[in-house]
Amino acid sequence: MKRYYAAWMYSLLLSTTSVSAAVLATVNGDEITSNEVNTVLMEGTQGRFDSLPADKQNELRQRIIEGMIAQNLVYDDAQKMGVLESKEYKQELEAVVNRLKVQLAAKVWEQEQFNAIKVDAKEVKAYFDANPNEFIEKEKVHARHILVRHKGQAQAIIAGMKTLSGEKLKNEFMTQAKLYSIGPSAARGGDLGYFPRGQMVPPFNDAVFGMREGTISSVPVQSQFGYHVIYLESKKPSKKLGFDTVKSFIEQRLKMDKFKEIMEKKMATLHEKAKITYPK
């Protein structure tokens, strides 16, 4: 039951927070949008996509996009071959539509239940005041890395940039990443973006959060993926988030808590009133 509510919640949040959808690819005139890809990513990771390392996020996103492109290509070819007019296709389509009717009705019903829930402004403020540690943004770093398989290669890369600093070091690091890194971020000059403490694997995390801005790791950092050479671009210290920044999030959270409680009661009532039998 918890997994069911979690999946519903993430799909709901995606639908309510996405203002516009970027077109990520066009296949024979059909667009693949960021909203479609994000929905699949959230469902596939049970809502944990944003907590994954940047490299893994990019890898999964690209895999989903390529899979959607392949689906569109197959669909176009199936249309040309007359598959959509076949008896087998029509039978399968009817079965799918019948299942979707039930699922869509349930989704709209749940949405109406959710929309009917009200959260008082005083409740939101009370939650913020009672849970101050929940609204502290963790320290973040913006880093790049070069991932290679062998320690010797990583040592040689570090040695080659030992005398550089400032923009020269950054530019050379990006060049080396594009040439030698085997990680998904290679094309972006090894850019991992900003991430908080604890998101990366422990050896990488410990090394990068102990570095100074504008420097590279003095020794290769080993993880299960290989050997990393790290460049720390910048740091953002932890900070407490103001009420205005988080009140919408709190309201949504309290509303979801109420929704879960209401749904559990409604489902129990529906079960009591229904006649449900199981085959012996």
C-alpha atoms as a PDB file:
ATOM      1  CA  MET A   1       0.000   0.000   0.000  1.00  0.00           C
ATOM      2  CA  LYS A   2       2.846   2.394   0.844  1.00  0.00           C
ATOM      3  CA  ARG A   3       4.445   1.859  -2.561  1.00  0.00           C
ATOM      4  CA  TYR A   4       1.100   2.568  -4.220  1.00  0.00           C
ATOM      5  CA  TYR A   5       0.750   5.899  -2.427  1.00  0.00           C
ATOM      6  CA  ALA A   6       4.375   6.824  -3.112  1.00  0.00           C
ATOM      7  CA  ALA A   7       4.012   6.220  -6.842  1.00  0.00           C
ATOM      8  CA  TRP A   8       0.813   8.274  -6.909  1.00  0.00           C
ATOM      9  CA  MET A   9       2.439  11.091  -4.952  1.00  0.00           C
ATOM     10  CA  TYR A  10       5.444  11.425  -7.275  1.00  0.00           C
ATOM     11  CA  SER A  11       3.322  11.372 -10.409  1.00  0.00           C
ATOM     12  CA  LEU A  12       1.104  14.026  -8.819  1.00  0.00           C
ATOM     13  CA  LEU A  13       4.029  16.246  -7.884  1.00  0.00           C
ATOM     14  CA  LEU A  14       5.435  15.950 -11.378  1.00  0.00           C
ATOM     15  CA  SER A  15       2.135  16.964 -12.926  1.00  0.00           C
ATOM     16  CA  THR A  16       1.660  19.939 -10.604  1.00  0.00           C
ATOM     17  CA  THR A  17       5.184  21.357 -10.652  1.00  0.00           C
ATOM     18  CA  SER A  18       6.057  21.064 -14.354  1.00  0.00           C
ATOM     19  CA  VAL A  19       5.150  24.358 -15.959  1.00  0.00           C
ATOM     20  CA  SER A  20       6.567  23.706 -19.412  1.00  0.00           C
ATOM     21  CA  ALA A  21       8.034  20.692 -21.135  1.00  0.00           C
ATOM     22  CA  ALA A  22      11.214  20.888 -23.182  1.00  0.00           C
ATOM     23  CA  VAL A  23      11.377  18.876 -26.405  1.00  0.00           C
ATOM     24  CA  LEU A  24      14.274  16.417 -26.036  1.00  0.00           C
ATOM     25  CA  ALA A  25      13.929  14.678 -29.396  1.00  0.00           C
ATOM     26  CA  THR A  26      11.639  14.581 -32.428  1.00  0.00           C
ATOM     27  CA  VAL A  27      11.055  11.293 -34.267  1.00  0.00           C
ATOM     28  CA  ASN A  28       9.367  11.620 -37.643  1.00  0.00           C
ATOM     29  CA  GLY A  29       7.473  14.645 -36.354  1.00  0.00           C
ATOM     30  CA  ASP A  30       6.516  13.164 -32.960  1.00  0.00           C
ATOM     31  CA  GLU A  31       7.994  14.987 -29.965  1.00  0.00           C
ATOM     32  CA  ILE A  32       9.544  13.353 -26.896  1.00  0.00           C
ATOM     33  CA  THR A  33       9.257  15.842 -24.044  1.00  0.00           C
ATOM     34  CA  SER A  34      11.049  16.281 -20.727  1.00  0.00           C
ATOM     35  CA  ASN A  35       7.752  15.693 -18.882  1.00  0.00           C
ATOM     36  CA  GLU A  36       7.359  12.255 -20.465  1.00  0.00           C
ATOM     37  CA  VAL A  37      10.953  11.317 -19.693  1.00  0.00           C
ATOM     38  CA  ASN A  38      10.781  12.655 -16.118  1.00  0.00           C
ATOM     39  CA  THR A  39       7.615  10.671 -15.425  1.00  0.00           C
ATOM     40  CA  VAL A  40       9.271   7.436 -16.546  1.00  0.00           C
ATOM     41  CA  LEU A  41      12.411   8.224 -14.521  1.00  0.00           C
ATOM     42  CA  MET A  42      10.441   8.927 -11.339  1.00  0.00           C
ATOM     43  CA  GLU A  43       8.317   5.806 -11.730  1.00  0.00           C
ATOM     44  CA  GLY A  44      11.346   3.651 -12.562  1.00  0.00           C
ATOM     45  CA  THR A  45      13.271   4.822  -9.487  1.00  0.00           C
ATOM     46  CA  GLN A  46      10.198   4.982  -7.202  1.00  0.00           C
ATOM     47  CA  GLY A  47      10.663   8.717  -6.819  1.00  0.00           C
ATOM     48  CA  ARG A  48      14.346   8.541  -5.885  1.00  0.00           C
ATOM     49  CA  PHE A  49      15.740   9.867  -9.180  1.00  0.00           C
ATOM     50  CA  ASP A  50      16.808  13.245  -7.746  1.00  0.00           C
ATOM     51  CA  SER A  51      18.864  11.534  -5.028  1.00  0.00           C
ATOM     52  CA  LEU A  52      20.980   9.590  -7.535  1.00  0.00           C
ATOM     53  CA  PRO A  53      24.514  10.755  -8.440  1.00  0.00           C
ATOM     54  CA  ALA A  54      24.623  13.143 -11.393  1.00  0.00           C
ATOM     55  CA  ASP A  55      26.435  10.593 -13.570  1.00  0.00           C
ATOM     56  CA  LYS A  56      23.742   7.988 -12.939  1.00  0.00           C
ATOM     57  CA  GLN A  57      20.956  10.515 -13.591  1.00  0.00           C
ATOM     58  CA  ASN A  58      22.412  11.434 -16.969  1.00  0.00           C
ATOM     59  CA  GLU A  59      22.968   7.797 -17.896  1.00  0.00           C
ATOM     60  CA  LEU A  60      19.379   6.815 -17.018  1.00  0.00           C
ATOM     61  CA  ARG A  61      17.911   9.864 -18.745  1.00  0.00           C
ATOM     62  CA  GLN A  62      19.775   9.125 -21.966  1.00  0.00           C
ATOM     63  CA  ARG A  63      18.747   5.471 -21.807  1.00  0.00           C
ATOM     64  CA  ILE A  64      15.077   6.414 -21.450  1.00  0.00           C
ATOM     65  CA  ILE A  65      15.267   8.892 -24.335  1.00  0.00           C
ATOM     66  CA  GLU A  66      16.886   6.282 -26.588  1.00  0.00           C
ATOM     67  CA  GLY A  67      14.249   3.739 -25.565  1.00  0.00           C
ATOM     68  CA  MET A  68      11.439   6.162 -26.440  1.00  0.00           C
ATOM     69  CA  ILE A  69      13.037   6.897 -29.789  1.00  0.00           C
ATOM     70  CA  ALA A  70      13.211   3.147 -30.495  1.00  0.00           C
ATOM     71  CA  GLN A  71       9.540   2.751 -29.515  1.00  0.00           C
ATOM     72  CA  ASN A  72       8.486   5.520 -31.897  1.00  0.00           C
ATOM     73  CA  LEU A  73      10.509   4.028 -34.741  1.00  0.00           C
ATOM     74  CA  VAL A  74       8.960   0.591 -34.199  1.00  0.00           C
ATOM     75  CA  TYR A  75       5.461   2.104 -33.998  1.00  0.00           C
ATOM     76  CA  ASP A  76       5.960   3.954 -37.285  1.00  0.00           C
ATOM     77  CA  ASP A  77       7.160   0.782 -38.972  1.00  0.00           C
ATOM     78  CA  ALA A  78       4.255  -1.213 -37.504  1.00  0.00           C
ATOM     79  CA  GLN A  79       1.809   1.312 -38.997  1.00  0.00           C
ATOM     80  CA  LYS A  80       3.416   0.924 -42.423  1.00  0.00           C
ATOM     81  CA  MET A  81       3.183  -2.882 -42.161  1.00  0.00           C
ATOM     82  CA  GLY A  82      -0.530  -2.752 -41.314  1.00  0.00           C
ATOM     83  CA  VAL A  83      -0.090  -4.132 -37.792  1.00  0.00           C
ATOM     84  CA  LEU A  84      -2.690  -1.681 -36.468  1.00  0.00           C
ATOM     85  CA  GLU A  85      -5.333  -3.310 -38.684  1.00  0.00           C
ATOM     86  CA  SER A  86      -4.561  -6.866 -37.596  1.00  0.00           C
ATOM     87  CA  LYS A  87      -6.944  -8.944 -35.457  1.00  0.00           C
ATOM     88  CA  GLU A  88      -4.263  -9.580 -32.828  1.00  0.00           C
ATOM     89  CA  TYR A  89      -3.532  -5.873 -32.435  1.00  0.00           C
ATOM     90  CA  LYS A  90      -7.204  -4.938 -32.097  1.00  0.00           C
ATOM     91  CA  GLN A  91      -7.806  -7.640 -29.478  1.00  0.00           C
ATOM     92  CA  GLU A  92      -4.780  -6.526 -27.428  1.00  0.00           C
ATOM     93  CA  LEU A  93      -5.793  -2.868 -27.797  1.00  0.00           C
ATOM     94  CA  GLU A  94      -9.289  -3.567 -26.510  1.00  0.00           C
ATOM     95  CA  ALA A  95      -7.876  -5.407 -23.483  1.00  0.00           C
ATOM     96  CA  VAL A  96      -5.480  -2.534 -22.725  1.00  0.00           C
ATOM     97  CA  VAL A  97      -8.232   0.083 -23.087  1.00  0.00           C
ATOM     98  CA  ASN A  98     -10.448  -1.832 -20.660  1.00  0.00           C
ATOM     99  CA  ARG A  99      -7.632  -1.913 -18.097  1.00  0.00           C
ATOM    100  CA  LEU A 100      -6.901   1.768 -18.627  1.00  0.00           C
ATOM    101  CA  LYS A 101     -10.556   2.694 -18.039  1.00  0.00           C
ATOM    102  CA  VAL A 102     -10.318   1.280 -14.527  1.00  0.00           C
ATOM    103  CA  GLN A 103      -6.919   2.873 -13.870  1.00  0.00           C
ATOM    104  CA  LEU A 104      -7.964   6.272 -15.225  1.00  0.00           C
ATOM    105  CA  ALA A 105     -11.165   6.277 -13.207  1.00  0.00           C
ATOM    106  CA  ALA A 106      -9.152   5.483 -10.072  1.00  0.00           C
ATOM    107  CA  LYS A 107      -6.662   8.247 -10.858  1.00  0.00           C
ATOM    108  CA  VAL A 108      -9.375  10.882 -11.379  1.00  0.00           C
ATOM    109  CA  TRP A 109     -11.190   9.698  -8.232  1.00  0.00           C
ATOM    110  CA  GLU A 110      -7.969   9.998  -6.204  1.00  0.00           C
ATOM    111  CA  GLN A 111      -7.257  13.425  -7.667  1.00  0.00           C
ATOM    112  CA  GLU A 112     -10.699  14.637  -6.624  1.00  0.00           C
ATOM    113  CA  GLN A 113     -10.162  13.267  -3.110  1.00  0.00           C
ATOM    114  CA  PHE A 114      -6.808  15.041  -2.926  1.00  0.00           C
ATOM    115  CA  ASN A 115      -8.131  18.359  -4.264  1.00  0.00           C
ATOM    116  CA  ALA A 116     -10.845  18.394  -1.624  1.00  0.00           C
ATOM    117  CA  ILE A 117      -8.310  18.390   1.222  1.00  0.00           C
ATOM    118  CA  LYS A 118      -7.555  21.761   2.821  1.00  0.00           C
ATOM    119  CA  VAL A 119      -4.507  22.684   4.882  1.00  0.00           C
ATOM    120  CA  ASP A 120      -4.752  25.685   7.174  1.00  0.00           C
ATOM    121  CA  ALA A 121      -1.955  28.274   7.025  1.00  0.00           C
ATOM    122  CA  LYS A 122      -1.523  27.929  10.790  1.00  0.00           C
ATOM    123  CA  GLU A 123      -0.814  24.210  10.382  1.00  0.00           C
ATOM    124  CA  VAL A 124       1.914  24.977   7.867  1.00  0.00           C
ATOM    125  CA  LYS A 125       3.610  27.536  10.130  1.00  0.00           C
ATOM    126  CA  ALA A 126       3.314  25.262  13.154  1.00  0.00           C
ATOM    127  CA  TYR A 127       5.047  22.440  11.271  1.00  0.00           C
ATOM    128  CA  PHE A 128       7.853  24.782  10.180  1.00  0.00           C
ATOM    129  CA  ASP A 129       8.408  26.003  13.743  1.00  0.00           C
ATOM    130  CA  ALA A 130       8.332  22.473  15.198  1.00  0.00           C
ATOM    131  CA  ASN A 131      10.800  20.987  12.692  1.00  0.00           C
ATOM    132  CA  PRO A 132      13.629  23.522  12.190  1.00  0.00           C
ATOM    133  CA  ASN A 133      16.271  20.907  11.340  1.00  0.00           C
ATOM    134  CA  GLU A 134      14.204  19.668   8.418  1.00  0.00           C
ATOM    135  CA  PHE A 135      14.712  22.886   6.505  1.00  0.00           C
ATOM    136  CA  ILE A 136      18.471  23.200   6.425  1.00  0.00           C
ATOM    137  CA  GLU A 137      19.963  22.977   2.959  1.00  0.00           C
ATOM    138  CA  LYS A 138      23.045  20.783   3.089  1.00  0.00           C
ATOM    139  CA  GLU A 139      26.479  21.967   2.101  1.00  0.00           C
ATOM    140  CA  LYS A 140      26.970  21.451  -1.646  1.00  0.00           C
ATOM    141  CA  VAL A 141      29.911  21.311  -3.984  1.00  0.00           C
ATOM    142  CA  HIS A 142      30.211  21.743  -7.726  1.00  0.00           C
ATOM    143  CA  ALA A 143      32.778  19.270  -9.004  1.00  0.00           C
ATOM    144  CA  ARG A 144      34.145  17.664 -12.129  1.00  0.00           C
ATOM    145  CA  HIS A 145      35.919  14.344 -12.426  1.00  0.00           C
ATOM    146  CA  ILE A 146      37.937  12.228 -14.801  1.00  0.00           C
ATOM    147  CA  LEU A 147      37.210   8.531 -14.370  1.00  0.00           C
ATOM    148  CA  VAL A 148      39.773   6.015 -15.653  1.00  0.00           C
ATOM    149  CA  ARG A 149      40.328   2.296 -15.106  1.00  0.00           C
ATOM    150  CA  HIS A 150      43.971   2.314 -14.031  1.00  0.00           C
ATOM    151  CA  LYS A 151      45.719   4.095 -11.166  1.00  0.00           C
ATOM    152  CA  GLY A 152      48.792   4.836 -13.272  1.00  0.00           C
ATOM    153  CA  GLN A 153      46.759   6.719 -15.854  1.00  0.00           C
ATOM    154  CA  ALA A 154      45.101   8.793 -13.131  1.00  0.00           C
ATOM    155  CA  GLN A 155      48.508   9.606 -11.612  1.00  0.00           C
ATOM    156  CA  ALA A 156      49.820  10.701 -15.019  1.00  0.00           C
ATOM    157  CA  ILE A 157      46.799  13.009 -15.532  1.00  0.00           C
ATOM    158  CA  ILE A 158      47.370  14.617 -12.128  1.00  0.00           C
ATOM    159  CA  ALA A 159      51.087  15.046 -12.801  1.00  0.00           C
ATOM    160  CA  GLY A 160      50.360  16.711 -16.148  1.00  0.00           C
ATOM    161  CA  MET A 161      48.303  19.442 -14.476  1.00  0.00           C
ATOM    162  CA  LYS A 162      50.451  19.910 -11.376  1.00  0.00           C
ATOM    163  CA  THR A 163      51.826  23.302 -12.408  1.00  0.00           C
ATOM    164  CA  LEU A 164      48.502  24.764 -13.574  1.00  0.00           C
ATOM    165  CA  SER A 165      46.055  26.915 -11.633  1.00  0.00           C
ATOM    166  CA  GLY A 166      43.025  29.156 -12.134  1.00  0.00           C
ATOM    167  CA  GLU A 167      41.249  29.085 -15.501  1.00  0.00           C
ATOM    168  CA  LYS A 168      44.163  27.265 -17.156  1.00  0.00           C
ATOM    169  CA  LEU A 169      43.742  24.366 -14.735  1.00  0.00           C
ATOM    170  CA  LYS A 170      39.964  24.271 -15.202  1.00  0.00           C
ATOM    171  CA  ASN A 171      40.175  24.399 -19.003  1.00  0.00           C
ATOM    172  CA  GLU A 172      42.868  21.733 -19.151  1.00  0.00           C
ATOM    173  CA  PHE A 173      40.884  19.513 -16.771  1.00  0.00           C
ATOM    174  CA  MET A 174      37.821  19.786 -19.013  1.00  0.00           C
ATOM    175  CA  THR A 175      39.943  18.917 -22.055  1.00  0.00           C
ATOM    176  CA  GLN A 176      41.451  15.879 -20.296  1.00  0.00           C
ATOM    177  CA  ALA A 177      38.001  14.732 -19.168  1.00  0.00           C
ATOM    178  CA  LYS A 178      36.667  14.810 -22.728  1.00  0.00           C
ATOM    179  CA  LEU A 179      39.714  12.883 -23.959  1.00  0.00           C
ATOM    180  CA  TYR A 180      40.190  10.226 -21.290  1.00  0.00           C
ATOM    181  CA  SER A 181      37.225   9.922 -18.896  1.00  0.00           C
ATOM    182  CA  ILE A 182      35.119   6.773 -19.243  1.00  0.00           C
ATOM    183  CA  GLY A 183      32.268   8.298 -17.197  1.00  0.00           C
ATOM    184  CA  PRO A 184      28.981   9.597 -18.710  1.00  0.00           C
ATOM    185  CA  SER A 185      29.993  13.170 -17.827  1.00  0.00           C
ATOM    186  CA  ALA A 186      33.035  13.092 -20.136  1.00  0.00           C
ATOM    187  CA  ALA A 187      31.313  15.037 -22.925  1.00  0.00           C
ATOM    188  CA  ARG A 188      30.571  17.839 -20.451  1.00  0.00           C
ATOM    189  CA  GLY A 189      34.173  18.128 -19.350  1.00  0.00           C
ATOM    190  CA  GLY A 190      33.513  15.839 -16.387  1.00  0.00           C
ATOM    191  CA  ASP A 191      30.861  18.180 -14.955  1.00  0.00           C
ATOM    192  CA  LEU A 192      28.838  16.610 -12.113  1.00  0.00           C
ATOM    193  CA  GLY A 193      26.987  19.798 -11.191  1.00  0.00           C
ATOM    194  CA  TYR A 194      26.166  20.611  -7.567  1.00  0.00           C
ATOM    195  CA  PHE A 195      25.556  17.768  -5.125  1.00  0.00           C
ATOM    196  CA  PRO A 196      25.266  17.537  -1.307  1.00  0.00           C
ATOM    197  CA  ARG A 197      27.436  15.644   1.125  1.00  0.00           C
ATOM    198  CA  GLY A 198      26.609  11.949   1.154  1.00  0.00           C
ATOM    199  CA  GLN A 199      25.253  11.674  -2.392  1.00  0.00           C
ATOM    200  CA  MET A 200      28.408  10.264  -3.969  1.00  0.00           C
ATOM    201  CA  VAL A 201      30.158   7.026  -3.022  1.00  0.00           C
ATOM    202  CA  PRO A 202      32.129   7.399   0.268  1.00  0.00           C
ATOM    203  CA  PRO A 203      35.696   7.627  -1.141  1.00  0.00           C
ATOM    204  CA  PHE A 204      34.643  10.296  -3.651  1.00  0.00           C
ATOM    205  CA  ASN A 205      32.523  12.127  -1.077  1.00  0.00           C
ATOM    206  CA  ASP A 206      35.298  12.225   1.540  1.00  0.00           C
ATOM    207  CA  ALA A 207      37.859  13.473  -0.961  1.00  0.00           C
ATOM    208  CA  VAL A 208      35.829  16.210  -2.658  1.00  0.00           C
ATOM    209  CA  PHE A 209      34.461  17.754   0.544  1.00  0.00           C
ATOM    210  CA  GLY A 210      37.995  18.030   1.901  1.00  0.00           C
ATOM    211  CA  MET A 211      39.314  19.955  -1.114  1.00  0.00           C
ATOM    212  CA  ARG A 212      39.786  23.673  -1.742  1.00  0.00           C
ATOM    213  CA  GLU A 213      37.961  25.468  -4.548  1.00  0.00           C
ATOM    214  CA  GLY A 214      39.854  25.609  -7.840  1.00  0.00           C
ATOM    215  CA  THR A 215      42.110  22.603  -7.085  1.00  0.00           C
ATOM    216  CA  ILE A 216      42.369  19.003  -8.224  1.00  0.00           C
ATOM    217  CA  SER A 217      42.829  15.914  -6.068  1.00  0.00           C
ATOM    218  CA  SER A 218      46.517  15.343  -5.291  1.00  0.00           C
ATOM    219  CA  VAL A 219      46.162  11.560  -5.601  1.00  0.00           C
ATOM    220  CA  PRO A 220      43.748   9.299  -7.502  1.00  0.00           C
ATOM    221  CA  VAL A 221      40.537   8.486  -5.609  1.00  0.00           C
ATOM    222  CA  GLN A 222      39.557   4.835  -5.941  1.00  0.00           C
ATOM    223  CA  SER A 223      35.954   3.639  -5.954  1.00  0.00           C
ATOM    224  CA  GLN A 224      34.130   0.610  -7.325  1.00  0.00           C
ATOM    225  CA  PHE A 225      33.910   2.445 -10.664  1.00  0.00           C
ATOM    226  CA  GLY A 226      37.641   2.982 -11.129  1.00  0.00           C
ATOM    227  CA  TYR A 227      40.041   5.826 -10.322  1.00  0.00           C
ATOM    228  CA  HIS A 228      38.844   9.430 -10.118  1.00  0.00           C
ATOM    229  CA  VAL A 229      40.732  12.651 -10.630  1.00  0.00           C
ATOM    230  CA  ILE A 230      38.570  15.377  -9.084  1.00  0.00           C
ATOM    231  CA  TYR A 231      38.389  19.119  -9.746  1.00  0.00           C
ATOM    232  CA  LEU A 232      36.473  21.176  -7.172  1.00  0.00           C
ATOM    233  CA  GLU A 233      34.880  24.122  -8.924  1.00  0.00           C
ATOM    234  CA  SER A 234      32.983  25.760  -6.042  1.00  0.00           C
ATOM    235  CA  LYS A 235      31.307  25.246  -2.659  1.00  0.00           C
ATOM    236  CA  LYS A 236      27.953  26.322  -1.219  1.00  0.00           C
ATOM    237  CA  PRO A 237      27.788  26.274   2.599  1.00  0.00           C
ATOM    238  CA  SER A 238      24.770  24.829   4.394  1.00  0.00           C
ATOM    239  CA  LYS A 239      22.005  27.312   5.137  1.00  0.00           C
ATOM    240  CA  LYS A 240      18.642  27.453   6.833  1.00  0.00           C
ATOM    241  CA  LEU A 241      15.746  27.884   4.414  1.00  0.00           C
ATOM    242  CA  GLY A 242      13.215  30.602   5.164  1.00  0.00           C
ATOM    243  CA  PHE A 243       9.517  29.929   5.707  1.00  0.00           C
ATOM    244  CA  ASP A 244       8.483  31.563   2.423  1.00  0.00           C
ATOM    245  CA  THR A 245      10.829  29.234   0.554  1.00  0.00           C
ATOM    246  CA  VAL A 246       9.451  26.005   2.018  1.00  0.00           C
ATOM    247  CA  LYS A 247       5.815  26.748   2.889  1.00  0.00           C
ATOM    248  CA  SER A 248       4.503  25.311  -0.401  1.00  0.00           C
ATOM    249  CA  PHE A 249       6.468  22.123   0.199  1.00  0.00           C
ATOM    250  CA  ILE A 250       5.143  21.847   3.763  1.00  0.00           C
ATOM    251  CA  GLU A 251       1.575  22.428   2.616  1.00  0.00           C
ATOM    252  CA  GLN A 252       1.937  19.687  -0.004  1.00  0.00           C
ATOM    253  CA  ARG A 253       3.436  17.332   2.542  1.00  0.00           C
ATOM    254  CA  LEU A 254       0.695  17.914   5.125  1.00  0.00           C
ATOM    255  CA  LYS A 255      -1.913  17.545   2.418  1.00  0.00           C
ATOM    256  CA  MET A 256      -0.366  14.241   1.353  1.00  0.00           C
ATOM    257  CA  ASP A 257      -0.346  12.995   4.958  1.00  0.00           C
ATOM    258  CA  LYS A 258      -4.050  13.822   5.266  1.00  0.00           C
ATOM    259  CA  PHE A 259      -4.731  12.225   1.898  1.00  0.00           C
ATOM    260  CA  LYS A 260      -3.069   8.983   2.969  1.00  0.00           C
ATOM    261  CA  GLU A 261      -5.106   8.849   6.167  1.00  0.00           C
ATOM    262  CA  ILE A 262      -8.365   9.595   4.338  1.00  0.00           C
ATOM    263  CA  MET A 263      -7.608   7.020   1.652  1.00  0.00           C
ATOM    264  CA  GLU A 264      -6.902   4.288   4.183  1.00  0.00           C
ATOM    265  CA  LYS A 265     -10.253   4.952   5.885  1.00  0.00           C
ATOM    266  CA  LYS A 266     -12.129   5.112   2.575  1.00  0.00           C
ATOM    267  CA  MET A 267     -10.556   1.882   1.337  1.00  0.00           C
ATOM    268  CA  ALA A 268     -11.438   0.141   4.599  1.00  0.00           C
ATOM    269  CA  THR A 269     -15.054   1.331   4.248  1.00  0.00           C
ATOM    270  CA  LEU A 270     -15.243   0.228   0.607  1.00  0.00           C
ATOM    271  CA  HIS A 271     -13.895  -3.187   1.544  1.00  0.00           C
ATOM    272  CA  GLU A 272     -16.495  -3.562   4.287  1.00  0.00           C
ATOM    273  CA  LYS A 273     -19.358  -2.688   1.924  1.00  0.00           C
ATOM    274  CA  ALA A 274     -18.125  -4.768  -1.003  1.00  0.00           C
ATOM    275  CA  LYS A 275     -18.758  -8.434  -1.639  1.00  0.00           C
ATOM    276  CA  ILE A 276     -15.308  -9.897  -2.338  1.00  0.00           C
ATOM    277  CA  THR A 277     -14.770 -13.615  -2.904  1.00  0.00           C
ATOM    278  CA  TYR A 278     -11.670 -15.639  -3.702  1.00  0.00           C
ATOM    279  CA  PRO A 279     -11.543 -18.958  -5.580  1.00  0.00           C
ATOM    280  CA  LYS A 280     -11.064 -21.982  -3.322  1.00  0.00           C
END
